[in-house]
Amino acid sequence: MKKIPLLLIILLFGVVASTSAQVPGKPFTLYLDAGLNSVSAPDTFKDLHKLGYHFEGGLGFKVFPFVQVVGKVGLNTIAKDWNLTPILSDALSGGNIKIMTFGLDARAAIGAPLAPIKPFAFIGGGYAKLTEDDITITTGVLGDYNISAMDDQTKFYYNIGAGLEFGGGPFSFFLQARYTSIATDGESIKYIPVSLGIKF
């Protein structure tokens, strides 16, 4: 069931992209990107997790000549690292973190509009819904046992980032990195998504 909303989001963005390509002077810009997540802090969280991945889509509306407000939706995963000891890696699995984000960014273009490579920067925030997969303990002859994961949380997040945009015309590509902090219970979770994307 969780795959259905994501599929609808992807289909919606696909319809908007195909429509916007045919409309001259469209009032919005479509962003789609994907990439890897690297956990930054806190140390207790960083030590138990490794690289994850993310997908994100957004719609940008110009508010100033070089500034857009971008509404975006993202799906992130952060994988549990059970390789701390051979015993853990053989007996434990699951526990991956899934983060659904809903937010707004202010995105500013830097430099000449017609340059082939254009830097940009952005800052924003919103809400993140965190869920964790159940942890499975494999005991061999006694079978497998599942441990309930942490309770779902919906918390405020902020991000700040920068990147480079390549090309022009009806679409262009961009490479970006951002620092993301989610105000979870206790210490905030901080991670760095690095993305490759396309702008329509």
Protein backbone atom coordinates (compact mmCIF):
# COMPACT_ATOMS: atom_id res chain seq x y z
CA MET A 1 0.00 0.00 0.00
CA LYS A 2 2.89 2.40 0.73
CA LYS A 3 4.04 2.14 -2.89
CA ILE A 4 0.77 3.54 -4.27
CA PRO A 5 1.20 7.20 -3.12
CA LEU A 6 4.77 7.24 -4.48
CA LEU A 7 3.60 5.84 -7.82
CA LEU A 8 0.87 8.49 -8.02
CA ILE A 9 3.41 11.24 -7.29
CA ILE A 10 5.72 9.97 -10.06
CA LEU A 11 2.83 9.76 -12.54
CA LEU A 12 1.67 13.26 -11.61
CA PHE A 13 5.10 14.73 -12.18
CA GLY A 14 5.36 12.86 -15.48
CA VAL A 15 2.07 14.35 -16.72
CA VAL A 16 3.10 17.83 -15.62
CA ALA A 17 6.48 17.48 -17.32
CA SER A 18 4.99 16.38 -20.64
CA THR A 19 2.42 19.19 -20.51
CA SER A 20 4.85 21.91 -19.45
CA ALA A 21 7.20 21.12 -22.34
CA GLN A 22 4.43 22.17 -24.75
CA VAL A 23 3.44 25.41 -22.99
CA PRO A 24 5.54 28.50 -23.85
CA GLY A 25 6.33 30.79 -20.96
CA LYS A 26 4.97 28.34 -18.36
CA PRO A 27 4.69 29.88 -14.89
CA PHE A 28 6.41 27.01 -13.07
CA THR A 29 9.47 24.75 -13.19
CA LEU A 30 9.49 21.02 -12.48
CA TYR A 31 12.41 19.43 -10.58
CA LEU A 32 13.13 15.69 -10.30
CA ASP A 33 16.21 14.25 -8.61
CA ALA A 34 17.64 11.14 -6.97
CA GLY A 35 20.80 10.21 -5.16
CA LEU A 36 22.49 8.94 -1.99
CA ASN A 37 22.15 9.89 1.69
CA SER A 38 25.16 10.01 4.01
CA VAL A 39 24.46 10.10 7.76
CA SER A 40 26.25 12.95 9.58
CA ALA A 41 25.04 13.01 13.23
CA PRO A 42 24.51 12.20 16.03
CA ASP A 43 27.32 9.67 16.54
CA THR A 44 25.02 7.04 18.06
CA PHE A 45 22.80 7.22 14.97
CA LYS A 46 25.71 7.46 12.54
CA ASP A 47 27.42 4.35 13.95
CA LEU A 48 24.30 2.19 13.45
CA HIS A 49 23.45 3.35 9.92
CA LYS A 50 25.08 3.55 6.51
CA LEU A 51 24.34 4.99 3.09
CA GLY A 52 20.76 5.31 1.92
CA TYR A 53 19.06 6.74 -1.13
CA HIS A 54 16.35 9.24 -1.99
CA PHE A 55 13.93 10.39 -4.69
CA GLU A 56 12.46 13.89 -4.79
CA GLY A 57 10.19 16.04 -6.92
CA GLY A 58 9.29 19.70 -6.74
CA LEU A 59 7.44 22.57 -8.42
CA GLY A 60 9.10 25.98 -8.50
CA PHE A 61 7.39 29.36 -8.93
CA LYS A 62 9.34 32.55 -9.65
CA VAL A 63 8.95 35.28 -7.01
CA PHE A 64 11.91 37.45 -8.08
CA PRO A 65 13.98 37.46 -11.30
CA PHE A 66 16.53 34.98 -9.92
CA VAL A 67 14.60 33.45 -7.01
CA GLN A 68 12.01 30.65 -6.94
CA VAL A 69 9.88 29.17 -4.18
CA VAL A 70 9.95 25.39 -4.65
CA GLY A 71 7.38 23.07 -3.04
CA LYS A 72 8.78 19.57 -2.85
CA VAL A 73 8.07 16.00 -1.75
CA GLY A 74 10.83 13.49 -1.05
CA LEU A 75 11.24 9.83 -0.08
CA ASN A 76 14.47 8.97 1.77
CA THR A 77 15.87 5.76 3.20
CA ILE A 78 18.75 5.30 5.63
CA ALA A 79 19.93 1.70 5.90
CA LYS A 80 20.80 0.02 9.19
CA ASP A 81 24.42 -1.18 9.45
CA TRP A 82 24.52 -4.58 11.14
CA ASN A 83 28.19 -5.19 10.25
CA LEU A 84 29.53 -3.92 13.58
CA THR A 85 30.28 -7.54 14.56
CA PRO A 86 29.97 -10.84 12.64
CA ILE A 87 27.38 -12.06 15.16
CA LEU A 88 25.09 -9.07 14.56
CA SER A 89 25.40 -9.22 10.78
CA ASP A 90 24.37 -12.91 10.77
CA ALA A 91 21.53 -12.65 13.28
CA LEU A 92 19.93 -9.23 12.67
CA SER A 93 18.28 -7.60 9.66
CA GLY A 94 15.78 -4.84 8.90
CA GLY A 95 15.46 -1.67 10.93
CA ASN A 96 15.90 0.67 7.98
CA ILE A 97 14.67 4.26 8.42
CA LYS A 98 12.22 5.72 5.88
CA ILE A 99 11.68 9.48 5.77
CA MET A 100 8.91 11.19 3.79
CA THR A 101 9.50 14.95 3.52
CA PHE A 102 7.12 17.78 2.59
CA GLY A 103 8.70 21.22 2.37
CA LEU A 104 9.34 24.59 0.76
CA ASP A 105 12.70 25.96 -0.44
CA ALA A 106 13.82 29.40 -1.53
CA ARG A 107 16.12 28.68 -4.49
CA ALA A 108 18.40 31.43 -5.85
CA ALA A 109 20.30 31.32 -9.15
CA ILE A 110 23.79 32.82 -9.08
CA GLY A 111 25.63 34.23 -12.09
CA ALA A 112 24.69 35.01 -15.69
CA PRO A 113 21.39 33.44 -16.87
CA LEU A 114 22.83 32.30 -20.23
CA ALA A 115 26.02 30.76 -18.83
CA PRO A 116 26.38 27.01 -19.62
CA ILE A 117 27.11 26.25 -15.94
CA LYS A 118 25.02 28.12 -13.37
CA PRO A 119 25.58 27.86 -9.58
CA PHE A 120 22.57 28.01 -7.28
CA ALA A 121 21.86 27.89 -3.55
CA PHE A 122 18.75 27.12 -1.52
CA ILE A 123 17.40 27.06 2.01
CA GLY A 124 14.10 25.79 3.34
CA GLY A 125 12.19 23.57 5.70
CA GLY A 126 9.06 21.58 6.29
CA TYR A 127 7.88 18.38 7.93
CA ALA A 128 9.37 14.89 7.85
CA LYS A 129 7.55 11.67 8.68
CA LEU A 130 9.92 8.99 9.99
CA THR A 131 9.15 5.27 10.13
CA GLU A 132 11.40 2.32 10.89
CA ASP A 133 11.15 -1.23 9.53
CA ASP A 134 10.78 -4.02 12.08
CA ILE A 135 14.03 -5.65 13.19
CA THR A 136 14.24 -9.40 12.50
CA ILE A 137 16.29 -11.68 14.75
CA THR A 138 17.29 -14.97 13.10
CA THR A 139 17.81 -17.70 15.70
CA GLY A 140 18.34 -20.70 13.46
CA VAL A 141 16.34 -23.74 14.64
CA LEU A 142 14.05 -21.55 16.76
CA GLY A 143 12.96 -19.47 13.76
CA ASP A 144 12.81 -15.73 13.28
CA TYR A 145 11.48 -13.11 15.67
CA ASN A 146 10.42 -9.57 14.84
CA ILE A 147 10.98 -6.64 17.18
CA SER A 148 8.67 -3.65 16.83
CA ALA A 149 10.48 -0.60 15.53
CA MET A 150 10.37 2.93 16.94
CA ASP A 151 7.06 4.76 16.88
CA ASP A 152 6.36 6.86 13.81
CA GLN A 153 7.39 10.50 14.21
CA THR A 154 6.41 13.64 12.28
CA LYS A 155 8.95 16.39 12.97
CA PHE A 156 10.12 19.73 11.60
CA TYR A 157 13.20 19.73 9.36
CA TYR A 158 15.36 22.31 7.67
CA ASN A 159 17.88 22.06 4.85
CA ILE A 160 20.49 24.27 3.25
CA GLY A 161 22.37 23.43 0.09
CA ALA A 162 23.98 24.42 -3.18
CA GLY A 163 24.70 23.00 -6.58
CA LEU A 164 25.48 23.49 -10.26
CA GLU A 165 23.06 23.52 -13.18
CA PHE A 166 24.19 22.42 -16.65
CA GLY A 167 22.67 23.16 -20.05
CA GLY A 168 19.64 25.16 -21.04
CA GLY A 169 16.65 25.17 -23.38
CA PRO A 170 13.51 23.24 -22.40
CA PHE A 171 15.39 21.26 -19.72
CA SER A 172 18.71 21.15 -17.89
CA PHE A 173 20.55 18.90 -15.45
CA PHE A 174 21.80 19.75 -11.98
CA LEU A 175 24.07 18.32 -9.29
CA GLN A 176 23.45 19.37 -5.70
CA ALA A 177 24.24 18.58 -2.06
CA ARG A 178 22.35 19.68 1.02
CA TYR A 179 22.64 19.49 4.79
CA THR A 180 19.39 18.26 6.36
CA SER A 181 18.50 18.30 10.06
CA ILE A 182 15.34 16.69 11.50
CA ALA A 183 14.29 17.67 15.03
CA THR A 184 13.67 14.11 16.25
CA ASP A 185 13.12 13.23 19.91
CA GLY A 186 16.43 13.63 21.73
CA GLU A 187 19.25 14.68 19.39
CA SER A 188 18.36 15.80 15.87
CA ILE A 189 19.13 13.46 12.98
CA LYS A 190 21.44 15.08 10.43
CA TYR A 191 22.26 13.68 7.00
CA ILE A 192 23.62 14.87 3.66
CA PRO A 193 21.75 13.95 0.45
CA VAL A 194 23.76 14.28 -2.79
CA SER A 195 21.53 14.36 -5.87
CA LEU A 196 21.61 14.31 -9.64
CA GLY A 197 18.48 15.80 -11.17
CA ILE A 198 16.69 17.24 -14.16
CA LYS A 199 14.88 20.57 -14.42
CA PHE A 200 12.02 21.12 -16.91
